[in-house]
Amino acid sequence: MIQPVALVTGSSRGIGAAIAAALRARGMAVIGHATRATDSATIAADFADPPAPQMLWEAALDRAAGRINVLVNNAGLFAANPLEASDIAWLDDWEDTLRINLTAAAQLTRFAVRHWLATGTPGEIRGRVVHISSRAGHRGDSPDHWHYAAAKAGMLAMHKTVARGYAADGILSFAVAPGFTATAMAENYLASRGGPGLLANIPLGKVASPAEIATIAAFCALDAPPSMTGAVLDANGASYVR
C-alpha cells in the first residue's frame, strides 16, 4: 500500500507542528512548510510573496513523487493593526494578513483541487483539504484585528464553496475553528486582552492545547466520513456556541 502524503503549512510550531506530528503518528508522510525551513522535511516559502504558494505546491508535489492526498491550510499571521495607524501602514498590514491567511490558502486549495481532478479515481475519495480557521471567522475579533477576522471568515466561505462544488468529484473539505489556543501567537493576544481574565469568558475554564486541535484536524484528514464534507468543527471551550 502506498503511504498517503499530507502537505501541512505553518508546520514549524504551534498547531501546525502538532498536526504534522499527529498525522505522522497515524502513518502519513508529512511535507512541512515554514517561512524559513529548519529541517529536511520542511519546505521554505514566504506567503507574503505572491508566487510562493505555487512554488511550495510544485516542490511538495515533486517531493511526494506526484501525489498529495491531504492539504492542511494552517499557516497564519496574527498581528495587531490599530485604527490609529497611518493609512498606508493600515492598508499594508491588512493586505499582508489577507495574503498570508487567506489568499495563500486559496492558491494551494486551487492547486490541490486541480491535482485531484486530474489524477484521482472517479467514485473514490480523491483528496481532502483541512482548513484551520478561527472562532474569529464567526464572531469577529478585537478592534485591532479586523483583518484577521475577515481572513478567517473568508477561509470558512471558501471551504464551504469547495465542499459544495467538488463533493461529487470525491474532493472533501473540512474546517476547524479554534478559539484561544496555547501557542506563541495566541499568548501575545491573551496578554494584550487581559491575560488570565479572558478565561472567565470560556466556560470550559481553559484554552485549547495544540494537541487538541491536531486531534480534530487528523480526524478530518483521515477518518471523517464523506457526508461530513463542508462541516466546520468548533473548538473554543463553549466560548462561542452556534
C-alpha atoms as a PDB file:
ATOM      1  CA  MET A   1       0.000   0.000   0.000  1.00  0.00           C
ATOM      2  CA  ILE A   2       1.324   3.429  -0.963  1.00  0.00           C
ATOM      3  CA  GLN A   3       1.865   5.722   2.022  1.00  0.00           C
ATOM      4  CA  PRO A   4      -0.507   8.725   1.858  1.00  0.00           C
ATOM      5  CA  VAL A   5       1.078  12.179   1.834  1.00  0.00           C
ATOM      6  CA  ALA A   6      -0.039  15.392   3.545  1.00  0.00           C
ATOM      7  CA  LEU A   7       1.198  18.923   2.954  1.00  0.00           C
ATOM      8  CA  VAL A   8       0.874  20.956   6.164  1.00  0.00           C
ATOM      9  CA  THR A   9       1.521  24.691   6.008  1.00  0.00           C
ATOM     10  CA  GLY A  10       2.895  26.540   9.008  1.00  0.00           C
ATOM     11  CA  SER A  11       4.174  23.284  10.452  1.00  0.00           C
ATOM     12  CA  SER A  12       7.229  24.572  12.309  1.00  0.00           C
ATOM     13  CA  ARG A  13       5.458  25.411  15.578  1.00  0.00           C
ATOM     14  CA  GLY A  14       2.195  25.535  17.479  1.00  0.00           C
ATOM     15  CA  ILE A  15      -0.887  23.980  15.932  1.00  0.00           C
ATOM     16  CA  GLY A  16       0.888  23.169  12.669  1.00  0.00           C
ATOM     17  CA  ALA A  17       3.663  21.232  14.390  1.00  0.00           C
ATOM     18  CA  ALA A  18       1.084  19.320  16.433  1.00  0.00           C
ATOM     19  CA  ILE A  19      -0.896  18.451  13.294  1.00  0.00           C
ATOM     20  CA  ALA A  20       2.220  17.246  11.482  1.00  0.00           C
ATOM     21  CA  ALA A  21       3.130  15.047  14.464  1.00  0.00           C
ATOM     22  CA  ALA A  22      -0.403  13.646  14.718  1.00  0.00           C
ATOM     23  CA  LEU A  23      -0.506  12.750  11.034  1.00  0.00           C
ATOM     24  CA  ARG A  24       2.910  11.107  11.158  1.00  0.00           C
ATOM     25  CA  ALA A  25       1.786   9.084  14.165  1.00  0.00           C
ATOM     26  CA  ARG A  26      -1.103   7.833  12.039  1.00  0.00           C
ATOM     27  CA  GLY A  27       1.249   6.650   9.294  1.00  0.00           C
ATOM     28  CA  MET A  28       1.140   9.565   6.878  1.00  0.00           C
ATOM     29  CA  ALA A  29       4.171  11.047   5.203  1.00  0.00           C
ATOM     30  CA  VAL A  30       4.136  14.761   6.003  1.00  0.00           C
ATOM     31  CA  ILE A  31       5.716  17.517   3.971  1.00  0.00           C
ATOM     32  CA  GLY A  32       6.026  20.564   6.186  1.00  0.00           C
ATOM     33  CA  HIS A  33       6.199  24.249   5.376  1.00  0.00           C
ATOM     34  CA  ALA A  34       7.616  27.305   7.100  1.00  0.00           C
ATOM     35  CA  THR A  35       8.687  30.778   6.082  1.00  0.00           C
ATOM     36  CA  ARG A  36      12.230  29.608   6.811  1.00  0.00           C
ATOM     37  CA  ALA A  37      12.870  25.874   6.750  1.00  0.00           C
ATOM     38  CA  THR A  38      14.636  24.363   9.735  1.00  0.00           C
ATOM     39  CA  ASP A  39      14.840  20.706   8.698  1.00  0.00           C
ATOM     40  CA  SER A  40      14.857  18.492   5.627  1.00  0.00           C
ATOM     41  CA  ALA A  41      11.144  17.640   5.969  1.00  0.00           C
ATOM     42  CA  THR A  42      10.159  21.295   5.623  1.00  0.00           C
ATOM     43  CA  ILE A  43       9.976  23.461   2.510  1.00  0.00           C
ATOM     44  CA  ALA A  44      10.617  27.196   2.871  1.00  0.00           C
ATOM     45  CA  ALA A  45       8.103  29.591   1.328  1.00  0.00           C
ATOM     46  CA  ASP A  46       7.218  33.138   2.376  1.00  0.00           C
ATOM     47  CA  PHE A  47       3.497  33.574   1.740  1.00  0.00           C
ATOM     48  CA  ALA A  48       3.897  37.357   1.699  1.00  0.00           C
ATOM     49  CA  ASP A  49       5.399  36.744  -1.754  1.00  0.00           C
ATOM     50  CA  PRO A  50       2.574  36.018  -4.269  1.00  0.00           C
ATOM     51  CA  PRO A  51       4.417  33.256  -6.203  1.00  0.00           C
ATOM     52  CA  ALA A  52       5.404  31.399  -3.001  1.00  0.00           C
ATOM     53  CA  PRO A  53       2.323  29.123  -2.686  1.00  0.00           C
ATOM     54  CA  GLN A  54       2.764  27.860  -6.235  1.00  0.00           C
ATOM     55  CA  MET A  55       6.463  27.249  -5.658  1.00  0.00           C
ATOM     56  CA  LEU A  56       5.616  25.366  -2.460  1.00  0.00           C
ATOM     57  CA  TRP A  57       2.988  23.211  -4.170  1.00  0.00           C
ATOM     58  CA  GLU A  58       5.279  22.289  -7.043  1.00  0.00           C
ATOM     59  CA  ALA A  59       8.177  21.480  -4.720  1.00  0.00           C
ATOM     60  CA  ALA A  60       5.930  19.388  -2.470  1.00  0.00           C
ATOM     61  CA  LEU A  61       4.427  17.527  -5.407  1.00  0.00           C
ATOM     62  CA  ASP A  62       7.889  16.734  -6.701  1.00  0.00           C
ATOM     63  CA  ARG A  63       8.986  15.537  -3.263  1.00  0.00           C
ATOM     64  CA  ALA A  64       5.828  13.399  -2.998  1.00  0.00           C
ATOM     65  CA  ALA A  65       6.500  11.712  -6.356  1.00  0.00           C
ATOM     66  CA  GLY A  66       3.479  13.328  -7.932  1.00  0.00           C
ATOM     67  CA  ARG A  67       0.751  12.536  -5.398  1.00  0.00           C
ATOM     68  CA  ILE A  68      -0.513  14.572  -2.419  1.00  0.00           C
ATOM     69  CA  ASN A  69      -3.569  13.195  -0.606  1.00  0.00           C
ATOM     70  CA  VAL A  70      -4.246  15.843   2.041  1.00  0.00           C
ATOM     71  CA  LEU A  71      -3.687  19.585   2.222  1.00  0.00           C
ATOM     72  CA  VAL A  72      -3.799  21.294   5.626  1.00  0.00           C
ATOM     73  CA  ASN A  73      -4.058  25.082   5.369  1.00  0.00           C
ATOM     74  CA  ASN A  74      -2.723  26.143   8.749  1.00  0.00           C
ATOM     75  CA  ALA A  75      -0.188  28.933   8.130  1.00  0.00           C
ATOM     76  CA  GLY A  76      -1.243  32.264   9.549  1.00  0.00           C
ATOM     77  CA  LEU A  77      -0.213  35.743  10.586  1.00  0.00           C
ATOM     78  CA  PHE A  78      -1.707  37.355  13.690  1.00  0.00           C
ATOM     79  CA  ALA A  79      -0.556  40.923  14.303  1.00  0.00           C
ATOM     80  CA  ALA A  80      -2.374  43.991  15.589  1.00  0.00           C
ATOM     81  CA  ASN A  81      -3.395  46.659  13.092  1.00  0.00           C
ATOM     82  CA  PRO A  82      -4.548  49.681  15.145  1.00  0.00           C
ATOM     83  CA  LEU A  83      -7.207  52.009  13.784  1.00  0.00           C
ATOM     84  CA  GLU A  84      -4.856  54.906  14.540  1.00  0.00           C
ATOM     85  CA  ALA A  85      -2.083  53.631  12.257  1.00  0.00           C
ATOM     86  CA  SER A  86      -1.209  55.669   9.195  1.00  0.00           C
ATOM     87  CA  ASP A  87      -3.359  54.963   6.150  1.00  0.00           C
ATOM     88  CA  ILE A  88      -0.569  53.225   4.265  1.00  0.00           C
ATOM     89  CA  ALA A  89       0.569  51.200   7.289  1.00  0.00           C
ATOM     90  CA  TRP A  90      -3.012  50.061   7.988  1.00  0.00           C
ATOM     91  CA  LEU A  91      -3.522  49.044   4.364  1.00  0.00           C
ATOM     92  CA  ASP A  92      -0.174  47.247   4.191  1.00  0.00           C
ATOM     93  CA  ASP A  93      -0.973  45.250   7.327  1.00  0.00           C
ATOM     94  CA  TRP A  94      -4.440  44.427   6.004  1.00  0.00           C
ATOM     95  CA  GLU A  95      -3.081  43.137   2.707  1.00  0.00           C
ATOM     96  CA  ASP A  96      -0.250  41.153   4.321  1.00  0.00           C
ATOM     97  CA  THR A  97      -2.662  39.381   6.650  1.00  0.00           C
ATOM     98  CA  LEU A  98      -5.185  38.622   3.903  1.00  0.00           C
ATOM     99  CA  ARG A  99      -2.455  37.319   1.616  1.00  0.00           C
ATOM    100  CA  ILE A 100      -0.832  35.052   4.200  1.00  0.00           C
ATOM    101  CA  ASN A 101      -4.003  33.843   5.953  1.00  0.00           C
ATOM    102  CA  LEU A 102      -6.433  33.580   3.036  1.00  0.00           C
ATOM    103  CA  THR A 103      -5.001  34.124  -0.433  1.00  0.00           C
ATOM    104  CA  ALA A 104      -2.154  31.633   0.017  1.00  0.00           C
ATOM    105  CA  ALA A 105      -4.647  29.048   1.299  1.00  0.00           C
ATOM    106  CA  ALA A 106      -6.868  29.733  -1.711  1.00  0.00           C
ATOM    107  CA  GLN A 107      -3.956  29.283  -4.102  1.00  0.00           C
ATOM    108  CA  LEU A 108      -2.917  25.996  -2.531  1.00  0.00           C
ATOM    109  CA  THR A 109      -6.501  24.731  -2.436  1.00  0.00           C
ATOM    110  CA  ARG A 110      -6.883  25.539  -6.134  1.00  0.00           C
ATOM    111  CA  PHE A 111      -3.716  23.627  -6.972  1.00  0.00           C
ATOM    112  CA  ALA A 112      -4.881  20.688  -4.843  1.00  0.00           C
ATOM    113  CA  VAL A 113      -8.350  20.542  -6.409  1.00  0.00           C
ATOM    114  CA  ARG A 114      -6.892  20.651  -9.915  1.00  0.00           C
ATOM    115  CA  HIS A 115      -4.392  17.954  -8.962  1.00  0.00           C
ATOM    116  CA  TRP A 116      -7.095  15.647  -7.606  1.00  0.00           C
ATOM    117  CA  LEU A 117      -9.425  16.202 -10.532  1.00  0.00           C
ATOM    118  CA  ALA A 118      -6.609  15.257 -12.890  1.00  0.00           C
ATOM    119  CA  THR A 119      -5.220  12.269 -11.008  1.00  0.00           C
ATOM    120  CA  GLY A 120      -7.885  10.756  -8.778  1.00  0.00           C
ATOM    121  CA  THR A 121     -10.137   7.814  -9.498  1.00  0.00           C
ATOM    122  CA  PRO A 122     -13.822   8.642 -10.135  1.00  0.00           C
ATOM    123  CA  GLY A 123     -16.110   7.191  -7.489  1.00  0.00           C
ATOM    124  CA  GLU A 124     -13.424   7.289  -4.785  1.00  0.00           C
ATOM    125  CA  ILE A 125     -12.197   9.941  -2.360  1.00  0.00           C
ATOM    126  CA  ARG A 126      -9.584  11.804  -4.363  1.00  0.00           C
ATOM    127  CA  GLY A 127      -8.328  14.220  -1.708  1.00  0.00           C
ATOM    128  CA  ARG A 128      -9.102  16.154   1.456  1.00  0.00           C
ATOM    129  CA  VAL A 129      -8.481  19.755   2.474  1.00  0.00           C
ATOM    130  CA  VAL A 130      -8.431  20.766   6.136  1.00  0.00           C
ATOM    131  CA  HIS A 131      -8.589  24.500   6.803  1.00  0.00           C
ATOM    132  CA  ILE A 132      -7.533  25.831  10.202  1.00  0.00           C
ATOM    133  CA  SER A 133      -9.775  28.858  10.584  1.00  0.00           C
ATOM    134  CA  SER A 134     -10.771  30.558  13.846  1.00  0.00           C
ATOM    135  CA  ARG A 135     -13.636  31.436  16.133  1.00  0.00           C
ATOM    136  CA  ALA A 136     -12.960  34.966  14.863  1.00  0.00           C
ATOM    137  CA  GLY A 137     -14.325  33.923  11.484  1.00  0.00           C
ATOM    138  CA  HIS A 138     -17.750  33.529  13.127  1.00  0.00           C
ATOM    139  CA  ARG A 139     -17.918  36.241  15.760  1.00  0.00           C
ATOM    140  CA  GLY A 140     -15.248  38.772  14.751  1.00  0.00           C
ATOM    141  CA  ASP A 141     -12.231  39.829  16.793  1.00  0.00           C
ATOM    142  CA  SER A 142     -10.812  42.859  18.571  1.00  0.00           C
ATOM    143  CA  PRO A 143     -10.803  46.377  17.040  1.00  0.00           C
ATOM    144  CA  ASP A 144      -7.116  45.840  16.181  1.00  0.00           C
ATOM    145  CA  HIS A 145      -7.805  42.645  14.269  1.00  0.00           C
ATOM    146  CA  TRP A 146     -10.388  43.392  11.577  1.00  0.00           C
ATOM    147  CA  HIS A 147      -8.043  41.885   9.007  1.00  0.00           C
ATOM    148  CA  TYR A 148      -7.572  38.620  10.895  1.00  0.00           C
ATOM    149  CA  ALA A 149     -11.309  38.101  11.393  1.00  0.00           C
ATOM    150  CA  ALA A 150     -12.009  38.922   7.749  1.00  0.00           C
ATOM    151  CA  ALA A 151      -9.377  36.449   6.548  1.00  0.00           C
ATOM    152  CA  LYS A 152     -10.710  33.638   8.731  1.00  0.00           C
ATOM    153  CA  ALA A 153     -14.311  34.328   7.695  1.00  0.00           C
ATOM    154  CA  GLY A 154     -13.169  34.255   4.083  1.00  0.00           C
ATOM    155  CA  MET A 155     -11.495  30.911   4.690  1.00  0.00           C
ATOM    156  CA  LEU A 156     -14.765  29.474   6.008  1.00  0.00           C
ATOM    157  CA  ALA A 157     -16.696  30.741   2.984  1.00  0.00           C
ATOM    158  CA  MET A 158     -14.062  29.328   0.639  1.00  0.00           C
ATOM    159  CA  HIS A 159     -14.144  25.976   2.451  1.00  0.00           C
ATOM    160  CA  LYS A 160     -17.924  25.697   2.127  1.00  0.00           C
ATOM    161  CA  THR A 161     -17.765  26.611  -1.552  1.00  0.00           C
ATOM    162  CA  VAL A 162     -15.127  23.944  -2.238  1.00  0.00           C
ATOM    163  CA  ALA A 163     -17.139  21.349  -0.325  1.00  0.00           C
ATOM    164  CA  ARG A 164     -20.304  22.109  -2.283  1.00  0.00           C
ATOM    165  CA  GLY A 165     -18.554  22.368  -5.614  1.00  0.00           C
ATOM    166  CA  TYR A 166     -16.453  19.203  -5.583  1.00  0.00           C
ATOM    167  CA  ALA A 167     -18.148  16.670  -3.313  1.00  0.00           C
ATOM    168  CA  ALA A 168     -19.422  14.765  -6.317  1.00  0.00           C
ATOM    169  CA  ASP A 169     -15.842  14.517  -7.565  1.00  0.00           C
ATOM    170  CA  GLY A 170     -14.626  12.879  -4.361  1.00  0.00           C
ATOM    171  CA  ILE A 171     -12.903  16.012  -3.038  1.00  0.00           C
ATOM    172  CA  LEU A 172     -13.725  16.678   0.618  1.00  0.00           C
ATOM    173  CA  SER A 173     -13.271  19.898   2.570  1.00  0.00           C
ATOM    174  CA  PHE A 174     -13.321  20.387   6.343  1.00  0.00           C
ATOM    175  CA  ALA A 175     -12.654  23.372   8.590  1.00  0.00           C
ATOM    176  CA  VAL A 176     -11.584  23.640  12.213  1.00  0.00           C
ATOM    177  CA  ALA A 177     -12.373  26.856  14.098  1.00  0.00           C
ATOM    178  CA  PRO A 178     -10.340  27.064  17.307  1.00  0.00           C
ATOM    179  CA  GLY A 179     -10.826  29.690  19.957  1.00  0.00           C
ATOM    180  CA  PHE A 180      -7.840  30.633  22.084  1.00  0.00           C
ATOM    181  CA  THR A 181      -5.115  28.006  21.814  1.00  0.00           C
ATOM    182  CA  ALA A 182      -1.926  27.777  23.849  1.00  0.00           C
ATOM    183  CA  THR A 183       0.523  28.852  21.136  1.00  0.00           C
ATOM    184  CA  ALA A 184       3.078  31.648  20.979  1.00  0.00           C
ATOM    185  CA  MET A 185       0.829  33.524  18.536  1.00  0.00           C
ATOM    186  CA  ALA A 186      -2.126  33.427  20.937  1.00  0.00           C
ATOM    187  CA  GLU A 187      -0.078  34.237  24.027  1.00  0.00           C
ATOM    188  CA  ASN A 188       0.636  37.739  22.721  1.00  0.00           C
ATOM    189  CA  TYR A 189      -3.072  38.273  22.136  1.00  0.00           C
ATOM    190  CA  LEU A 190      -4.050  36.934  25.551  1.00  0.00           C
ATOM    191  CA  ALA A 191      -1.586  39.286  27.201  1.00  0.00           C
ATOM    192  CA  SER A 192      -2.941  42.262  25.245  1.00  0.00           C
ATOM    193  CA  ARG A 193      -6.544  41.465  26.235  1.00  0.00           C
ATOM    194  CA  GLY A 194      -6.085  40.979  29.961  1.00  0.00           C
ATOM    195  CA  GLY A 195      -4.340  37.634  30.222  1.00  0.00           C
ATOM    196  CA  PRO A 196      -5.943  35.093  32.574  1.00  0.00           C
ATOM    197  CA  GLY A 197      -9.039  37.311  32.904  1.00  0.00           C
ATOM    198  CA  LEU A 198     -10.142  36.113  29.496  1.00  0.00           C
ATOM    199  CA  LEU A 199     -10.709  32.641  30.904  1.00  0.00           C
ATOM    200  CA  ALA A 200     -13.845  33.983  32.574  1.00  0.00           C
ATOM    201  CA  ASN A 201     -15.449  34.017  29.113  1.00  0.00           C
ATOM    202  CA  ILE A 202     -14.545  30.376  28.419  1.00  0.00           C
ATOM    203  CA  PRO A 203     -16.995  28.049  30.174  1.00  0.00           C
ATOM    204  CA  LEU A 204     -14.506  25.190  29.977  1.00  0.00           C
ATOM    205  CA  GLY A 205     -12.131  27.299  32.070  1.00  0.00           C
ATOM    206  CA  LYS A 206      -9.056  26.800  29.918  1.00  0.00           C
ATOM    207  CA  VAL A 207      -7.727  27.412  26.426  1.00  0.00           C
ATOM    208  CA  ALA A 208      -7.229  24.540  23.993  1.00  0.00           C
ATOM    209  CA  SER A 209      -3.882  22.830  23.548  1.00  0.00           C
ATOM    210  CA  PRO A 210      -2.324  22.442  20.089  1.00  0.00           C
ATOM    211  CA  ALA A 211      -2.677  18.667  20.536  1.00  0.00           C
ATOM    212  CA  GLU A 212      -6.460  19.020  20.881  1.00  0.00           C
ATOM    213  CA  ILE A 213      -6.719  20.946  17.617  1.00  0.00           C
ATOM    214  CA  ALA A 214      -4.377  18.435  15.976  1.00  0.00           C
ATOM    215  CA  THR A 215      -6.640  15.561  17.038  1.00  0.00           C
ATOM    216  CA  ILE A 216      -9.566  17.234  15.268  1.00  0.00           C
ATOM    217  CA  ALA A 217      -7.512  18.020  12.174  1.00  0.00           C
ATOM    218  CA  ALA A 218      -6.200  14.454  11.939  1.00  0.00           C
ATOM    219  CA  PHE A 219      -9.758  13.144  12.207  1.00  0.00           C
ATOM    220  CA  CYS A 220     -10.770  15.361   9.290  1.00  0.00           C
ATOM    221  CA  ALA A 221      -7.731  14.332   7.265  1.00  0.00           C
ATOM    222  CA  LEU A 222      -8.125  10.590   7.807  1.00  0.00           C
ATOM    223  CA  ASP A 223     -11.346   9.489   9.455  1.00  0.00           C
ATOM    224  CA  ALA A 224     -14.216  11.896   8.840  1.00  0.00           C
ATOM    225  CA  PRO A 225     -16.897  10.232   6.710  1.00  0.00           C
ATOM    226  CA  PRO A 226     -17.598  11.777   3.309  1.00  0.00           C
ATOM    227  CA  SER A 227     -21.007  13.026   4.478  1.00  0.00           C
ATOM    228  CA  MET A 228     -19.197  15.429   6.826  1.00  0.00           C
ATOM    229  CA  THR A 229     -17.688  17.419   3.959  1.00  0.00           C
ATOM    230  CA  GLY A 230     -18.494  21.098   4.411  1.00  0.00           C
ATOM    231  CA  ALA A 231     -18.524  20.854   8.207  1.00  0.00           C
ATOM    232  CA  VAL A 232     -16.925  23.429  10.492  1.00  0.00           C
ATOM    233  CA  LEU A 233     -15.736  21.907  13.773  1.00  0.00           C
ATOM    234  CA  ASP A 234     -15.623  24.435  16.611  1.00  0.00           C
ATOM    235  CA  ALA A 235     -13.061  24.064  19.406  1.00  0.00           C
ATOM    236  CA  ASN A 236     -13.458  27.016  21.706  1.00  0.00           C
ATOM    237  CA  GLY A 237     -14.432  25.663  25.133  1.00  0.00           C
ATOM    238  CA  ALA A 238     -18.056  26.793  24.559  1.00  0.00           C
ATOM    239  CA  SER A 239     -16.985  30.449  24.437  1.00  0.00           C
ATOM    240  CA  TYR A 240     -18.894  30.800  21.175  1.00  0.00           C
ATOM    241  CA  VAL A 241     -21.705  28.330  20.550  1.00  0.00           C
ATOM    242  CA  ARG A 242     -23.531  28.359  17.217  1.00  0.00           C
END
